[in-house]
N, C-alpha and C. Protein backbone atom coordinates (compact mmCIF):
# COMPACT_ATOMS: atom_id res chain seq x y z
N MET A 1 49.53 39.46 -5.93
CA MET A 1 49.80 39.87 -7.23
C MET A 1 48.82 39.36 -8.34
N THR A 2 48.34 40.20 -9.18
CA THR A 2 47.30 39.71 -10.07
C THR A 2 48.00 38.80 -11.26
N ALA A 3 47.15 38.23 -11.97
CA ALA A 3 47.63 37.34 -12.99
C ALA A 3 48.22 38.06 -14.14
N LEU A 4 47.69 39.34 -14.27
CA LEU A 4 48.29 40.26 -15.45
C LEU A 4 49.65 40.58 -14.98
N ASP A 5 49.90 40.96 -13.71
CA ASP A 5 51.21 41.36 -13.20
C ASP A 5 52.12 40.23 -13.51
N LEU A 6 51.81 39.06 -13.12
CA LEU A 6 52.63 37.82 -13.26
C LEU A 6 52.90 37.63 -14.76
N ASP A 7 51.94 37.78 -15.64
CA ASP A 7 52.21 37.62 -17.03
C ASP A 7 53.25 38.67 -17.63
N GLN A 8 53.09 39.86 -17.06
CA GLN A 8 54.06 40.91 -17.54
C GLN A 8 55.33 40.69 -16.93
N PHE A 9 55.45 40.19 -15.75
CA PHE A 9 56.90 39.69 -15.34
C PHE A 9 57.50 38.55 -16.11
N LYS A 10 56.52 37.59 -16.38
CA LYS A 10 57.08 36.45 -17.08
C LYS A 10 57.67 36.92 -18.44
N GLU A 11 56.93 37.78 -19.21
CA GLU A 11 57.26 38.44 -20.41
C GLU A 11 58.65 39.03 -20.31
N ARG A 12 58.72 39.87 -19.34
CA ARG A 12 60.00 40.70 -19.12
C ARG A 12 61.16 39.84 -18.81
N ILE A 13 60.90 38.79 -17.93
CA ILE A 13 62.11 37.86 -17.65
C ILE A 13 62.44 37.16 -18.90
N GLN A 14 61.60 36.68 -19.74
CA GLN A 14 61.80 35.93 -20.97
C GLN A 14 62.65 36.97 -21.91
N LEU A 15 62.31 38.17 -21.98
CA LEU A 15 63.02 39.12 -22.88
C LEU A 15 64.37 39.30 -22.43
N ILE A 16 64.60 39.37 -21.23
CA ILE A 16 65.84 39.54 -20.44
C ILE A 16 66.73 38.30 -20.91
N LEU A 17 66.18 37.21 -20.67
CA LEU A 17 66.83 35.91 -21.01
C LEU A 17 67.36 35.85 -22.47
N ARG A 18 66.36 36.34 -23.49
CA ARG A 18 66.92 36.34 -24.78
C ARG A 18 67.90 37.33 -25.06
N GLU A 19 67.94 38.45 -24.29
CA GLU A 19 68.94 39.44 -24.52
C GLU A 19 70.31 38.82 -23.88
N LEU A 20 70.31 38.32 -22.85
CA LEU A 20 71.49 37.63 -22.22
C LEU A 20 72.02 36.52 -23.19
N GLU A 21 71.11 35.68 -23.90
CA GLU A 21 71.57 34.68 -24.70
C GLU A 21 72.42 35.29 -25.88
N SER A 22 71.70 36.38 -26.51
CA SER A 22 72.45 36.97 -27.66
C SER A 22 73.78 37.63 -27.26
N LEU A 23 73.97 38.21 -25.90
CA LEU A 23 75.19 38.71 -25.53
C LEU A 23 76.20 37.67 -25.26
N ALA A 24 75.82 36.43 -24.83
CA ALA A 24 76.67 35.36 -24.75
C ALA A 24 77.15 34.94 -26.00
N VAL A 25 76.33 34.88 -27.09
CA VAL A 25 76.93 34.55 -28.40
C VAL A 25 77.96 35.48 -28.95
N SER A 26 77.62 36.87 -28.71
CA SER A 26 78.45 37.78 -29.26
C SER A 26 79.77 37.88 -28.51
N SER A 27 79.97 37.54 -27.31
CA SER A 27 81.11 37.45 -26.53
C SER A 27 81.98 36.28 -26.63
N GLN A 28 81.46 35.21 -27.34
CA GLN A 28 82.30 33.97 -27.42
C GLN A 28 83.58 34.22 -28.10
N GLU A 29 83.61 35.09 -29.09
CA GLU A 29 84.77 35.38 -29.72
C GLU A 29 85.86 36.05 -28.84
N ALA A 30 85.52 36.84 -27.94
CA ALA A 30 86.39 37.50 -27.02
C ALA A 30 86.92 36.52 -26.00
N ALA A 31 86.27 35.50 -25.76
CA ALA A 31 86.74 34.47 -24.73
C ALA A 31 87.58 33.26 -25.23
N ARG A 32 87.71 33.40 -26.59
CA ARG A 32 88.60 32.37 -27.09
C ARG A 32 90.06 32.40 -26.72
N PRO A 33 90.83 31.32 -26.63
CA PRO A 33 92.16 31.31 -26.21
C PRO A 33 92.98 32.36 -27.10
N VAL A 34 93.97 32.92 -26.47
CA VAL A 34 94.84 33.97 -27.17
C VAL A 34 95.95 33.13 -27.73
N GLU A 35 96.10 33.38 -29.06
CA GLU A 35 97.42 32.64 -29.69
C GLU A 35 98.73 33.24 -29.38
N LEU A 36 99.79 32.36 -29.28
CA LEU A 36 101.09 32.99 -29.22
C LEU A 36 101.75 33.09 -30.49
N ASP A 37 101.56 34.07 -31.17
CA ASP A 37 102.18 34.38 -32.40
C ASP A 37 102.81 35.78 -32.35
N GLN A 38 103.99 35.81 -32.03
CA GLN A 38 104.70 37.11 -31.92
C GLN A 38 105.06 37.77 -33.27
N THR A 39 104.87 36.95 -34.35
CA THR A 39 105.03 37.59 -35.69
C THR A 39 103.83 38.42 -36.07
N ARG A 40 102.65 38.13 -35.57
CA ARG A 40 101.51 38.80 -35.78
C ARG A 40 101.20 39.94 -34.89
N GLN A 41 101.54 39.62 -33.58
CA GLN A 41 101.32 40.61 -32.53
C GLN A 41 102.46 40.75 -31.51
N GLY A 42 102.64 41.78 -31.00
CA GLY A 42 103.70 42.13 -29.91
C GLY A 42 103.27 41.44 -28.63
N ARG A 43 104.18 41.57 -27.75
CA ARG A 43 103.86 41.14 -26.34
C ARG A 43 102.78 41.83 -25.59
N LEU A 44 102.88 43.21 -25.80
CA LEU A 44 101.84 44.05 -25.17
C LEU A 44 100.48 43.83 -25.75
N SER A 45 100.44 43.60 -27.06
CA SER A 45 99.06 43.35 -27.68
C SER A 45 98.59 42.09 -27.27
N ARG A 46 99.37 41.12 -26.99
CA ARG A 46 98.95 39.74 -26.57
C ARG A 46 98.44 39.87 -25.13
N MET A 47 99.23 40.75 -24.34
CA MET A 47 98.74 40.88 -22.88
C MET A 47 97.34 41.65 -22.99
N ASP A 48 97.11 42.50 -23.81
CA ASP A 48 95.81 43.23 -23.91
C ASP A 48 94.83 42.31 -24.26
N ALA A 49 95.12 41.37 -25.22
CA ALA A 49 94.13 40.31 -25.68
C ALA A 49 93.94 39.38 -24.67
N MET A 50 94.78 39.00 -23.75
CA MET A 50 94.62 38.12 -22.61
C MET A 50 93.83 38.63 -21.58
N GLN A 51 94.00 40.07 -21.23
CA GLN A 51 93.19 40.68 -20.34
C GLN A 51 91.68 40.87 -20.85
N SER A 52 91.44 41.09 -22.14
CA SER A 52 90.19 41.15 -22.65
C SER A 52 89.51 39.76 -22.54
N GLN A 53 90.33 38.63 -22.81
CA GLN A 53 89.78 37.37 -22.56
C GLN A 53 89.24 37.09 -21.29
N ALA A 54 90.08 37.41 -20.28
CA ALA A 54 89.80 37.20 -18.82
C ALA A 54 88.41 37.98 -18.52
N MET A 55 88.36 39.17 -18.96
CA MET A 55 87.15 40.07 -18.73
C MET A 55 85.97 39.38 -19.39
N ALA A 56 86.06 38.92 -20.64
CA ALA A 56 84.92 38.26 -21.24
C ALA A 56 84.52 36.97 -20.52
N LYS A 57 85.49 36.33 -19.91
CA LYS A 57 85.11 35.07 -19.17
C LYS A 57 84.39 35.42 -17.84
N VAL A 58 84.76 36.44 -17.20
CA VAL A 58 84.04 36.94 -16.09
C VAL A 58 82.65 37.37 -16.42
N GLY A 59 82.61 38.07 -17.35
CA GLY A 59 81.28 38.60 -17.90
C GLY A 59 80.35 37.41 -18.28
N GLU A 60 80.85 36.41 -18.89
CA GLU A 60 80.13 35.21 -19.23
C GLU A 60 79.65 34.50 -17.82
N ALA A 61 80.57 34.40 -16.92
CA ALA A 61 80.14 33.79 -15.76
C ALA A 61 79.04 34.56 -14.92
N ARG A 62 79.13 35.84 -15.07
CA ARG A 62 78.03 36.73 -14.39
C ARG A 62 76.85 36.55 -15.14
N ARG A 63 76.85 36.44 -16.55
CA ARG A 63 75.71 36.36 -17.35
C ARG A 63 75.01 35.01 -16.92
N GLN A 64 75.78 34.02 -16.74
CA GLN A 64 75.20 32.68 -16.49
C GLN A 64 74.52 32.60 -15.02
N VAL A 65 75.17 33.30 -14.14
CA VAL A 65 74.44 33.41 -12.82
C VAL A 65 73.18 34.06 -12.94
N GLN A 66 73.20 35.24 -13.71
CA GLN A 66 71.81 36.05 -13.91
C GLN A 66 70.77 35.02 -14.66
N VAL A 67 71.28 34.38 -15.61
CA VAL A 67 70.33 33.43 -16.39
C VAL A 67 69.67 32.40 -15.40
N ASN A 68 70.57 31.87 -14.61
CA ASN A 68 70.09 30.86 -13.65
C ASN A 68 69.00 31.55 -12.64
N GLU A 69 69.44 32.75 -12.13
CA GLU A 69 68.43 33.34 -11.26
C GLU A 69 67.05 33.81 -11.93
N LEU A 70 67.22 34.20 -13.15
CA LEU A 70 65.94 34.38 -13.86
C LEU A 70 65.21 33.15 -14.30
N LYS A 71 65.75 32.12 -14.49
CA LYS A 71 65.03 30.80 -14.63
C LYS A 71 64.38 30.51 -13.48
N LYS A 72 64.99 30.54 -12.18
CA LYS A 72 64.36 30.23 -10.89
C LYS A 72 63.22 31.22 -10.63
N ALA A 73 63.26 32.48 -11.15
CA ALA A 73 62.12 33.25 -11.04
C ALA A 73 61.01 32.93 -12.02
N LEU A 74 61.25 32.35 -13.04
CA LEU A 74 60.13 31.81 -13.89
C LEU A 74 59.50 30.63 -13.19
N THR A 75 60.32 29.67 -12.47
CA THR A 75 59.82 28.59 -11.76
C THR A 75 58.95 29.11 -10.60
N ARG A 76 59.35 30.24 -10.00
CA ARG A 76 58.61 30.72 -8.92
C ARG A 76 57.24 31.24 -9.37
N ILE A 77 57.26 31.90 -10.62
CA ILE A 77 55.86 32.28 -11.18
C ILE A 77 55.06 31.16 -11.37
N GLU A 78 55.53 30.06 -11.94
CA GLU A 78 54.79 28.78 -12.26
C GLU A 78 54.28 28.20 -10.85
N GLN A 79 55.06 28.21 -9.90
CA GLN A 79 54.70 27.60 -8.70
C GLN A 79 53.86 28.50 -7.72
N GLY A 80 53.66 29.74 -8.05
CA GLY A 80 52.92 30.71 -7.24
C GLY A 80 53.62 31.41 -6.13
N ASP A 81 54.99 31.30 -6.22
CA ASP A 81 55.76 31.94 -5.00
C ASP A 81 56.46 33.16 -5.44
N PHE A 82 56.25 33.59 -6.71
CA PHE A 82 56.95 34.85 -7.22
C PHE A 82 56.35 36.04 -6.40
N GLY A 83 57.27 36.88 -6.02
CA GLY A 83 56.78 38.11 -5.40
C GLY A 83 56.77 37.99 -3.85
N THR A 84 57.04 37.01 -3.30
CA THR A 84 56.98 36.62 -1.91
C THR A 84 58.34 36.53 -1.24
N CYS A 85 58.61 37.31 -0.25
CA CYS A 85 59.98 37.24 0.24
C CYS A 85 60.28 35.96 0.91
N GLY A 86 61.48 35.53 0.57
CA GLY A 86 61.93 34.08 0.98
C GLY A 86 62.22 34.12 2.52
N THR A 87 62.59 35.30 3.10
CA THR A 87 62.86 35.42 4.48
C THR A 87 61.65 35.49 5.46
N CYS A 88 60.87 36.53 5.11
CA CYS A 88 59.72 36.89 6.10
C CYS A 88 58.31 36.51 5.70
N GLY A 89 58.29 36.12 4.19
CA GLY A 89 57.04 35.67 3.65
C GLY A 89 56.09 36.97 3.27
N GLU A 90 56.63 38.01 3.50
CA GLU A 90 55.69 39.27 2.94
C GLU A 90 55.91 39.45 1.63
N ASP A 91 54.95 40.28 0.97
CA ASP A 91 54.98 40.63 -0.41
C ASP A 91 56.26 41.47 -0.77
N ILE A 92 56.96 41.30 -1.78
CA ILE A 92 58.05 42.08 -2.30
C ILE A 92 57.32 43.23 -3.16
N SER A 93 57.80 44.42 -3.04
CA SER A 93 57.17 45.48 -3.74
C SER A 93 57.30 45.36 -5.21
N VAL A 94 56.33 45.81 -5.96
CA VAL A 94 56.27 45.67 -7.37
C VAL A 94 57.49 46.50 -7.87
N ALA A 95 57.80 47.58 -7.35
CA ALA A 95 59.04 48.41 -7.78
C ALA A 95 60.31 47.70 -7.68
N ARG A 96 60.31 46.99 -6.62
CA ARG A 96 61.65 46.18 -6.39
C ARG A 96 61.70 45.03 -7.47
N LEU A 97 60.65 44.41 -7.64
CA LEU A 97 60.59 43.25 -8.64
C LEU A 97 60.76 43.92 -10.08
N THR A 98 60.36 45.14 -10.24
CA THR A 98 60.46 45.56 -11.63
C THR A 98 62.02 45.87 -11.87
N ALA A 99 62.66 46.28 -10.77
CA ALA A 99 64.11 46.63 -10.91
C ALA A 99 64.94 45.50 -11.02
N ASP A 100 64.49 44.33 -10.38
CA ASP A 100 65.21 43.05 -10.43
C ASP A 100 64.14 41.92 -10.22
N PRO A 101 63.79 41.44 -11.38
CA PRO A 101 62.71 40.23 -11.16
C PRO A 101 63.08 38.97 -10.47
N ALA A 102 64.50 38.91 -10.46
CA ALA A 102 65.03 37.69 -9.78
C ALA A 102 65.16 37.87 -8.34
N VAL A 103 64.85 39.05 -7.75
CA VAL A 103 65.21 39.18 -6.26
C VAL A 103 64.33 38.27 -5.48
N LEU A 104 65.01 37.88 -4.28
CA LEU A 104 64.22 36.88 -3.41
C LEU A 104 63.66 37.38 -2.13
N THR A 105 64.06 38.61 -1.69
CA THR A 105 63.80 39.19 -0.49
C THR A 105 63.14 40.65 -0.68
N CYS A 106 62.37 40.98 0.35
CA CYS A 106 61.79 42.30 0.39
C CYS A 106 62.94 43.28 0.75
N ILE A 107 62.85 44.52 0.68
CA ILE A 107 63.84 45.57 0.96
C ILE A 107 64.23 45.55 2.52
N ASP A 108 63.18 45.34 3.33
CA ASP A 108 63.51 45.36 4.75
C ASP A 108 64.45 44.15 5.14
N CYS A 109 64.20 42.84 4.49
CA CYS A 109 64.95 41.75 4.78
C CYS A 109 66.30 41.90 4.15
N ALA A 110 66.43 42.49 2.98
CA ALA A 110 67.68 42.78 2.30
C ALA A 110 68.61 43.66 3.08
N GLN A 111 67.93 44.71 3.59
CA GLN A 111 68.71 45.56 4.35
C GLN A 111 69.26 44.92 5.79
N ALA A 112 68.41 44.11 6.26
CA ALA A 112 68.78 43.39 7.45
C ALA A 112 69.90 42.38 7.21
N LEU A 113 70.00 41.84 6.16
CA LEU A 113 71.17 40.99 5.71
C LEU A 113 72.53 41.63 5.55
N GLU A 114 72.47 42.94 5.11
CA GLU A 114 73.72 43.67 4.95
C GLU A 114 74.56 43.82 6.04
């Protein structure tokens, strides 16, 4: 992979990380504990709020996993391992890396693991 490709992937990963950070900030309100105040809201409204809170927490956990994977991809770029399959050692296709820059395996190895 050329240095230009690596720079483009690095920029793309950093952009995705910034977007994920802004999503995390905006979803903090939804993940806050739901108050028990039945004078302000009924039981069903509170249940809806609790369900929304649970979904926000799951979304935040997924975002955190994605952030960690993308940071590892940046480390692989710095170490010169980016774009190399962790299973077979072959190059991962640019199309696959473009779809998911945090991917660790080529398509053949990914299909073999399924």
